[in-house]
């Protein structure tokens, strides 16, 4: 088994693309509204079954990093997106809590993220494993927790 992609539901696609495309460097390779006209990606029936509503509709953007990591962003129109309360996005609730991305030059990434206006969980890059890993966390505009990680061989 291999990892394929992660989907993030977002409330504002343009705002999300401002982070994942413009700051983090992912490139869109699909940007469409589903179900698409010819139903090549999703039929209306399938999307209705997946979203559990009649007349489901969503803007879907698939992105890839330069190294091939894939990310799916969904901004549903039907059902309407409701932003998850920040209190339910912490480590005290079940579910996927963070999207971790491997990077080089973690200190530069820290400055880039803060300069782009994102609040980091800590005021510094932290190290674990005797310095084998350096990392920091921040929330995107919808509260999704993103972790940037740099691994070192000692």
N, C-alpha and C. Protein backbone atom coordinates (compact mmCIF):
# COMPACT_ATOMS: atom_id res chain seq x y z
N UNK A 1 0.84 -1.17 0.00
CA UNK A 1 0.00 0.00 0.00
C UNK A 1 0.89 1.24 0.00
N UNK A 2 0.41 2.29 -0.66
CA UNK A 2 1.14 3.54 -0.72
C UNK A 2 0.16 4.68 -0.51
N UNK A 3 0.62 5.76 0.00
CA UNK A 3 -0.22 6.94 0.21
C UNK A 3 -0.57 7.56 -1.13
N UNK A 4 -1.85 7.90 -1.35
CA UNK A 4 -2.26 8.51 -2.61
C UNK A 4 -2.44 10.03 -2.47
N UNK A 5 -3.36 10.48 -1.62
CA UNK A 5 -3.56 11.91 -1.42
C UNK A 5 -4.36 12.15 -0.14
N UNK A 6 -4.43 13.42 0.25
CA UNK A 6 -5.28 13.83 1.36
C UNK A 6 -6.23 14.89 0.84
N UNK A 7 -7.47 14.85 1.32
CA UNK A 7 -8.48 15.84 0.94
C UNK A 7 -8.72 16.79 2.11
N UNK A 8 -8.73 18.08 1.82
CA UNK A 8 -9.09 19.09 2.79
C UNK A 8 -10.33 19.81 2.28
N UNK A 9 -11.35 19.88 3.11
CA UNK A 9 -12.54 20.66 2.78
C UNK A 9 -12.25 22.09 3.21
N UNK A 10 -12.46 23.03 2.29
CA UNK A 10 -12.14 24.43 2.55
C UNK A 10 -13.38 25.29 2.34
N UNK A 11 -13.41 26.42 3.02
CA UNK A 11 -14.55 27.33 2.89
C UNK A 11 -14.35 28.36 1.80
N UNK A 12 -13.11 28.61 1.41
CA UNK A 12 -12.80 29.60 0.38
C UNK A 12 -11.63 29.08 -0.44
N UNK A 13 -11.93 28.59 -1.66
CA UNK A 13 -10.90 27.97 -2.49
C UNK A 13 -9.77 28.93 -2.83
N UNK A 14 -10.12 30.16 -3.16
CA UNK A 14 -9.06 31.11 -3.54
C UNK A 14 -8.12 31.37 -2.37
N UNK A 15 -8.66 31.47 -1.18
CA UNK A 15 -7.84 31.66 0.01
C UNK A 15 -6.96 30.42 0.24
N UNK A 16 -7.54 29.23 0.08
CA UNK A 16 -6.77 27.99 0.26
C UNK A 16 -5.65 27.90 -0.77
N UNK A 17 -5.95 28.25 -2.01
CA UNK A 17 -4.91 28.22 -3.04
C UNK A 17 -3.81 29.23 -2.76
N UNK A 18 -4.17 30.32 -2.08
CA UNK A 18 -3.15 31.28 -1.67
C UNK A 18 -2.09 30.66 -0.78
N UNK A 19 -2.46 29.66 0.00
CA UNK A 19 -1.49 28.95 0.83
C UNK A 19 -0.87 27.78 0.07
N UNK A 20 -1.70 26.82 -0.32
CA UNK A 20 -1.18 25.56 -0.83
C UNK A 20 -0.48 25.70 -2.19
N UNK A 21 -0.94 26.61 -3.03
CA UNK A 21 -0.29 26.85 -4.32
C UNK A 21 0.78 27.92 -4.20
N UNK A 22 0.38 29.10 -3.73
CA UNK A 22 1.26 30.26 -3.80
C UNK A 22 2.37 30.26 -2.75
N UNK A 23 2.09 29.77 -1.55
CA UNK A 23 3.12 29.78 -0.50
C UNK A 23 3.86 28.45 -0.44
N UNK A 24 3.12 27.33 -0.44
CA UNK A 24 3.75 26.02 -0.29
C UNK A 24 4.23 25.41 -1.60
N UNK A 25 3.80 25.93 -2.73
CA UNK A 25 4.36 25.51 -4.02
C UNK A 25 3.70 24.33 -4.69
N UNK A 26 2.50 23.93 -4.25
CA UNK A 26 1.77 22.87 -4.95
C UNK A 26 1.24 23.42 -6.27
N UNK A 27 1.21 22.58 -7.31
CA UNK A 27 0.70 22.99 -8.63
C UNK A 27 -0.62 22.31 -8.91
N UNK A 28 -1.65 23.10 -9.26
CA UNK A 28 -2.93 22.49 -9.63
C UNK A 28 -2.81 21.71 -10.94
N UNK A 29 -3.40 20.51 -10.98
CA UNK A 29 -3.47 19.78 -12.24
C UNK A 29 -4.90 19.44 -12.61
N UNK A 30 -5.84 19.64 -11.69
CA UNK A 30 -7.27 19.58 -11.99
C UNK A 30 -7.91 20.72 -11.20
N UNK A 31 -8.75 21.50 -11.87
CA UNK A 31 -9.52 22.55 -11.22
C UNK A 31 -10.88 22.55 -11.91
N UNK A 32 -11.88 21.98 -11.26
CA UNK A 32 -13.18 21.81 -11.90
C UNK A 32 -14.29 21.85 -10.87
N UNK A 33 -15.49 21.96 -11.36
CA UNK A 33 -16.67 21.82 -10.52
C UNK A 33 -17.23 20.43 -10.78
N UNK A 34 -17.50 19.69 -9.71
CA UNK A 34 -18.05 18.34 -9.87
C UNK A 34 -19.48 18.33 -9.33
N UNK A 35 -20.38 17.56 -9.92
CA UNK A 35 -20.09 16.71 -11.06
C UNK A 35 -19.78 17.58 -12.29
N UNK A 36 -18.80 17.16 -13.06
CA UNK A 36 -18.40 17.90 -14.24
C UNK A 36 -19.40 17.65 -15.37
N UNK A 37 -19.38 18.51 -16.37
CA UNK A 37 -20.39 18.47 -17.44
C UNK A 37 -20.57 17.09 -18.05
N UNK A 38 -19.47 16.46 -18.40
CA UNK A 38 -19.57 15.15 -19.06
C UNK A 38 -19.49 14.00 -18.05
N UNK A 39 -19.45 14.33 -16.76
CA UNK A 39 -19.39 13.34 -15.67
C UNK A 39 -18.20 12.39 -15.83
N UNK A 40 -17.11 12.91 -16.39
CA UNK A 40 -15.90 12.10 -16.56
C UNK A 40 -15.25 11.77 -15.22
N UNK A 41 -15.34 12.69 -14.26
CA UNK A 41 -14.76 12.44 -12.94
C UNK A 41 -15.79 11.85 -12.00
N UNK A 42 -16.92 12.52 -11.83
CA UNK A 42 -17.97 12.06 -10.92
C UNK A 42 -19.33 12.22 -11.59
N UNK A 43 -20.15 11.20 -11.48
CA UNK A 43 -21.54 11.33 -11.90
C UNK A 43 -22.31 11.99 -10.77
N UNK A 44 -23.45 12.56 -11.10
CA UNK A 44 -24.29 13.19 -10.08
C UNK A 44 -24.70 12.18 -9.02
N UNK A 45 -25.08 10.98 -9.45
CA UNK A 45 -25.50 9.95 -8.50
C UNK A 45 -24.39 9.58 -7.52
N UNK A 46 -23.19 9.42 -8.05
CA UNK A 46 -22.05 9.06 -7.18
C UNK A 46 -21.75 10.17 -6.19
N UNK A 47 -21.71 11.42 -6.68
CA UNK A 47 -21.40 12.53 -5.79
C UNK A 47 -22.50 12.70 -4.73
N UNK A 48 -23.77 12.51 -5.13
CA UNK A 48 -24.86 12.57 -4.16
C UNK A 48 -24.67 11.51 -3.08
N UNK A 49 -24.27 10.31 -3.48
CA UNK A 49 -24.03 9.23 -2.51
C UNK A 49 -22.87 9.56 -1.58
N UNK A 50 -21.78 10.11 -2.14
CA UNK A 50 -20.60 10.44 -1.33
C UNK A 50 -20.91 11.56 -0.34
N UNK A 51 -21.60 12.61 -0.80
CA UNK A 51 -21.88 13.78 0.04
C UNK A 51 -23.16 13.63 0.86
N UNK A 52 -23.94 12.59 0.58
CA UNK A 52 -25.20 12.34 1.30
C UNK A 52 -26.22 13.47 1.15
N UNK A 53 -26.29 14.05 -0.05
CA UNK A 53 -27.32 15.05 -0.36
C UNK A 53 -27.75 14.85 -1.80
N UNK A 54 -28.90 15.37 -2.13
CA UNK A 54 -29.37 15.36 -3.51
C UNK A 54 -28.91 16.65 -4.18
N UNK A 55 -28.34 16.54 -5.36
CA UNK A 55 -27.84 17.72 -6.07
C UNK A 55 -26.50 18.20 -5.57
N UNK A 56 -25.65 17.28 -5.13
CA UNK A 56 -24.31 17.65 -4.63
C UNK A 56 -23.54 18.39 -5.71
N UNK A 57 -22.73 19.33 -5.26
CA UNK A 57 -21.91 20.13 -6.18
C UNK A 57 -20.73 20.67 -5.38
N UNK A 58 -19.55 20.66 -6.01
CA UNK A 58 -18.35 21.10 -5.30
C UNK A 58 -17.28 21.54 -6.28
N UNK A 59 -16.52 22.55 -5.91
CA UNK A 59 -15.31 22.87 -6.67
C UNK A 59 -14.20 21.99 -6.11
N UNK A 60 -13.52 21.30 -7.01
CA UNK A 60 -12.43 20.40 -6.63
C UNK A 60 -11.16 20.82 -7.34
N UNK A 61 -10.10 20.99 -6.55
CA UNK A 61 -8.78 21.28 -7.11
C UNK A 61 -7.82 20.21 -6.62
N UNK A 62 -7.19 19.53 -7.56
CA UNK A 62 -6.14 18.55 -7.23
C UNK A 62 -4.80 19.24 -7.47
N UNK A 63 -3.91 19.11 -6.50
CA UNK A 63 -2.60 19.74 -6.59
C UNK A 63 -1.51 18.70 -6.35
N UNK A 64 -0.33 18.98 -6.85
CA UNK A 64 0.83 18.11 -6.60
C UNK A 64 2.04 18.98 -6.27
N UNK A 65 2.84 18.47 -5.35
CA UNK A 65 4.08 19.16 -5.01
C UNK A 65 5.12 18.81 -6.07
N UNK A 66 6.22 19.52 -6.11
CA UNK A 66 7.28 19.19 -7.06
C UNK A 66 7.81 17.75 -6.91
N UNK A 67 7.66 17.16 -5.72
CA UNK A 67 8.12 15.79 -5.51
C UNK A 67 7.01 14.76 -5.67
N UNK A 68 5.79 15.21 -6.02
CA UNK A 68 4.71 14.28 -6.31
C UNK A 68 3.68 14.05 -5.22
N UNK A 69 3.79 14.72 -4.07
CA UNK A 69 2.76 14.61 -3.05
C UNK A 69 1.48 15.24 -3.59
N UNK A 70 0.35 14.55 -3.40
CA UNK A 70 -0.92 15.04 -3.94
C UNK A 70 -1.83 15.52 -2.81
N UNK A 71 -2.56 16.58 -3.12
CA UNK A 71 -3.49 17.17 -2.18
C UNK A 71 -4.77 17.53 -2.94
N UNK A 72 -5.91 17.17 -2.37
CA UNK A 72 -7.21 17.50 -2.95
C UNK A 72 -7.87 18.55 -2.07
N UNK A 73 -8.30 19.65 -2.68
CA UNK A 73 -9.06 20.66 -1.98
C UNK A 73 -10.49 20.61 -2.51
N UNK A 74 -11.46 20.59 -1.60
CA UNK A 74 -12.88 20.57 -1.95
C UNK A 74 -13.56 21.76 -1.30
N UNK A 75 -14.32 22.52 -2.11
CA UNK A 75 -15.17 23.57 -1.58
C UNK A 75 -16.60 23.26 -2.01
N UNK A 76 -17.32 22.45 -1.23
CA UNK A 76 -18.68 22.10 -1.59
C UNK A 76 -19.61 23.31 -1.60
N UNK A 77 -20.50 23.33 -2.61
CA UNK A 77 -21.59 24.31 -2.65
C UNK A 77 -22.85 23.67 -2.06
N UNK A 78 -23.03 22.38 -2.33
CA UNK A 78 -24.15 21.61 -1.78
C UNK A 78 -23.60 20.25 -1.38
N UNK A 79 -23.49 19.95 -0.11
CA UNK A 79 -23.96 20.72 1.03
C UNK A 79 -23.07 21.93 1.29
N UNK A 80 -23.63 22.94 1.94
CA UNK A 80 -22.88 24.14 2.30
C UNK A 80 -21.79 23.78 3.30
N UNK A 81 -20.64 24.38 3.11
CA UNK A 81 -19.52 24.16 4.03
C UNK A 81 -19.78 24.92 5.33
N UNK A 82 -19.57 24.23 6.44
CA UNK A 82 -19.62 24.85 7.76
C UNK A 82 -18.23 24.68 8.36
N UNK A 83 -17.63 25.76 8.75
CA UNK A 83 -16.29 25.70 9.31
C UNK A 83 -16.32 25.01 10.67
N UNK A 84 -15.43 24.06 10.87
CA UNK A 84 -15.33 23.35 12.13
C UNK A 84 -14.81 24.30 13.20
N UNK A 85 -15.46 24.29 14.34
CA UNK A 85 -15.05 25.13 15.45
C UNK A 85 -13.63 24.75 15.88
N UNK A 86 -12.83 25.74 16.16
CA UNK A 86 -11.42 25.53 16.53
C UNK A 86 -11.29 24.57 17.71
N UNK A 87 -12.29 24.55 18.60
CA UNK A 87 -12.22 23.68 19.78
C UNK A 87 -12.21 22.21 19.39
N UNK A 88 -12.70 21.86 18.20
CA UNK A 88 -12.74 20.47 17.76
C UNK A 88 -11.56 20.10 16.87
N UNK A 89 -10.65 21.02 16.65
CA UNK A 89 -9.51 20.76 15.77
C UNK A 89 -8.23 20.43 16.52
N UNK A 90 -8.29 20.35 17.84
CA UNK A 90 -7.11 20.08 18.64
C UNK A 90 -6.84 18.59 18.80
N UNK A 91 -5.84 18.29 19.56
CA UNK A 91 -5.42 16.91 19.78
C UNK A 91 -6.30 16.18 20.79
N UNK A 92 -7.34 16.85 21.29
CA UNK A 92 -8.23 16.21 22.25
C UNK A 92 -9.50 15.67 21.59
N UNK A 93 -9.52 15.60 20.25
CA UNK A 93 -10.63 15.00 19.51
C UNK A 93 -10.06 14.02 18.49
N UNK A 94 -10.84 13.01 18.17
CA UNK A 94 -10.38 12.02 17.19
C UNK A 94 -10.37 12.61 15.79
N UNK A 95 -9.68 11.94 14.90
CA UNK A 95 -9.64 12.36 13.50
C UNK A 95 -8.24 12.72 13.08
N UNK A 96 -8.11 13.01 11.83
CA UNK A 96 -6.81 13.43 11.30
C UNK A 96 -6.57 14.84 11.81
N UNK A 97 -5.48 15.05 12.47
CA UNK A 97 -5.21 16.32 13.12
C UNK A 97 -4.23 17.20 12.38
N UNK A 98 -3.39 16.65 11.54
CA UNK A 98 -2.43 17.50 10.86
C UNK A 98 -2.03 16.93 9.52
N UNK A 99 -1.70 17.83 8.63
CA UNK A 99 -1.12 17.49 7.34
C UNK A 99 0.36 17.81 7.48
N UNK A 100 1.21 16.79 7.48
CA UNK A 100 2.64 17.00 7.67
C UNK A 100 3.34 16.91 6.32
N UNK A 101 4.14 17.91 6.02
CA UNK A 101 4.85 17.99 4.75
C UNK A 101 6.35 18.08 5.00
N UNK A 102 7.12 17.24 4.30
CA UNK A 102 8.58 17.24 4.45
C UNK A 102 9.15 18.38 3.61
N UNK A 103 10.04 19.15 4.22
CA UNK A 103 10.66 20.29 3.55
C UNK A 103 12.17 20.29 3.82
N UNK A 104 12.86 21.10 3.08
CA UNK A 104 14.26 21.44 3.36
C UNK A 104 14.26 22.89 3.84
N UNK A 105 15.29 23.29 4.56
CA UNK A 105 15.42 24.68 5.02
C UNK A 105 14.25 25.10 5.91
N UNK A 106 14.03 24.35 6.97
CA UNK A 106 12.88 24.58 7.85
C UNK A 106 12.85 25.99 8.41
N UNK A 107 14.00 26.57 8.72
CA UNK A 107 14.02 27.92 9.28
C UNK A 107 13.52 28.95 8.26
N UNK A 108 13.86 28.76 6.99
CA UNK A 108 13.34 29.65 5.94
C UNK A 108 11.84 29.48 5.79
N UNK A 109 11.36 28.23 5.86
CA UNK A 109 9.93 27.98 5.76
C UNK A 109 9.18 28.64 6.91
N UNK A 110 9.75 28.58 8.10
CA UNK A 110 9.14 29.22 9.27
C UNK A 110 8.94 30.71 9.01
N UNK A 111 9.97 31.36 8.51
CA UNK A 111 9.88 32.79 8.20
C UNK A 111 8.88 33.06 7.08
N UNK A 112 8.87 32.21 6.07
CA UNK A 112 7.94 32.37 4.95
C UNK A 112 6.49 32.28 5.42
N UNK A 113 6.19 31.28 6.23
CA UNK A 113 4.83 31.09 6.72
C UNK A 113 4.39 32.27 7.59
N UNK A 114 5.27 32.71 8.46
CA UNK A 114 4.92 33.85 9.33
C UNK A 114 4.79 35.13 8.51
N UNK A 115 5.65 35.32 7.52
CA UNK A 115 5.57 36.51 6.66
C UNK A 115 4.28 36.52 5.83
N UNK A 116 3.76 35.33 5.53
CA UNK A 116 2.51 35.22 4.78
C UNK A 116 1.29 35.45 5.68
N UNK A 117 1.52 35.67 6.99
CA UNK A 117 0.44 36.01 7.89
C UNK A 117 -0.17 34.87 8.67
N UNK A 118 0.46 33.70 8.63
CA UNK A 118 -0.08 32.56 9.37
C UNK A 118 0.53 32.52 10.76
N UNK A 119 -0.32 32.22 11.75
CA UNK A 119 0.12 32.13 13.13
C UNK A 119 0.65 30.72 13.38
N UNK A 120 1.86 30.63 13.90
CA UNK A 120 2.46 29.34 14.21
C UNK A 120 2.08 28.95 15.64
N UNK A 121 2.08 27.63 15.90
CA UNK A 121 1.72 27.13 17.23
C UNK A 121 2.75 27.53 18.28
N UNK A 122 3.99 27.68 17.85
CA UNK A 122 5.07 28.11 18.75
C UNK A 122 5.79 29.28 18.07
N UNK A 123 6.54 29.99 18.84
CA UNK A 123 7.30 31.14 18.32
C UNK A 123 8.67 30.71 17.78
N UNK A 124 8.86 29.41 17.62
CA UNK A 124 10.16 28.89 17.21
C UNK A 124 9.98 27.55 16.50
N UNK A 125 11.03 27.15 15.79
CA UNK A 125 11.10 25.81 15.21
C UNK A 125 11.63 24.91 16.31
N UNK A 126 10.98 23.77 16.53
CA UNK A 126 11.40 22.87 17.60
C UNK A 126 12.05 21.62 17.02
N UNK A 127 12.89 21.00 17.85
CA UNK A 127 13.61 19.79 17.45
C UNK A 127 13.18 18.63 18.33
N UNK A 128 13.14 17.43 17.76
CA UNK A 128 12.87 16.20 18.50
C UNK A 128 13.84 15.13 18.04
N UNK A 129 13.88 14.05 18.80
CA UNK A 129 14.73 12.92 18.42
C UNK A 129 16.20 13.26 18.41
N UNK A 130 16.63 14.05 19.39
CA UNK A 130 18.04 14.40 19.45
C UNK A 130 18.49 15.23 18.26
N UNK A 131 17.57 15.99 17.70
CA UNK A 131 17.91 16.85 16.56
C UNK A 131 17.73 16.18 15.21
N UNK A 132 17.17 14.98 15.19
CA UNK A 132 16.94 14.29 13.91
C UNK A 132 15.81 14.90 13.09
N UNK A 133 14.97 15.66 13.78
CA UNK A 133 13.82 16.25 13.12
C UNK A 133 13.59 17.65 13.68
N UNK A 134 13.33 18.59 12.78
CA UNK A 134 12.94 19.94 13.18
C UNK A 134 11.59 20.22 12.55
N UNK A 135 10.75 20.96 13.28
CA UNK A 135 9.39 21.12 12.80
C UNK A 135 8.72 22.34 13.41
N UNK A 136 7.58 22.70 12.82
CA UNK A 136 6.66 23.66 13.41
C UNK A 136 5.28 23.41 12.83
N UNK A 137 4.27 23.95 13.50
CA UNK A 137 2.87 23.77 13.13
C UNK A 137 2.20 25.13 12.95
N UNK A 138 1.23 25.18 12.03
CA UNK A 138 0.41 26.37 11.87
C UNK A 138 -0.95 25.94 11.33
N UNK A 139 -1.94 26.80 11.47
CA UNK A 139 -3.29 26.54 10.96
C UNK A 139 -3.50 27.29 9.66
N UNK A 140 -4.15 26.64 8.69
CA UNK A 140 -4.55 27.36 7.49
C UNK A 140 -5.79 28.19 7.83
N UNK A 141 -6.37 28.87 6.84
CA UNK A 141 -7.50 29.76 7.10
C UNK A 141 -8.73 29.03 7.62
N UNK A 142 -8.85 27.73 7.35
CA UNK A 142 -10.00 26.96 7.83
C UNK A 142 -9.72 26.22 9.12
N UNK A 143 -8.54 26.41 9.69
CA UNK A 143 -8.21 25.76 10.95
C UNK A 143 -7.50 24.43 10.79
N UNK A 144 -7.32 23.97 9.55
CA UNK A 144 -6.58 22.72 9.35
C UNK A 144 -5.15 22.91 9.80
N UNK A 145 -4.65 21.97 10.59
CA UNK A 145 -3.31 22.06 11.14
C UNK A 145 -2.30 21.51 10.13
N UNK A 146 -1.31 22.33 9.80
CA UNK A 146 -0.27 21.95 8.84
C UNK A 146 1.05 21.91 9.59
N UNK A 147 1.80 20.84 9.40
CA UNK A 147 3.12 20.70 10.03
C UNK A 147 4.16 20.64 8.92
N UNK A 148 5.19 21.45 9.04
CA UNK A 148 6.33 21.35 8.14
C UNK A 148 7.46 20.70 8.92
N UNK A 149 8.11 19.74 8.29
CA UNK A 149 9.09 18.89 8.95
C UNK A 149 10.36 18.79 8.10
N UNK A 150 11.49 18.94 8.75
CA UNK A 150 12.78 18.67 8.08
C UNK A 150 13.47 17.56 8.86
N UNK A 151 13.88 16.51 8.15
CA UNK A 151 14.57 15.38 8.77
C UNK A 151 16.07 15.48 8.48
N UNK A 152 16.86 15.08 9.46
CA UNK A 152 18.30 15.11 9.33
C UNK A 152 18.86 13.72 9.61
N UNK A 153 19.91 13.36 8.93
CA UNK A 153 20.61 12.11 9.26
C UNK A 153 21.79 12.49 10.14
N UNK A 154 21.89 11.79 11.25
CA UNK A 154 22.96 12.08 12.22
C UNK A 154 24.03 11.01 12.16
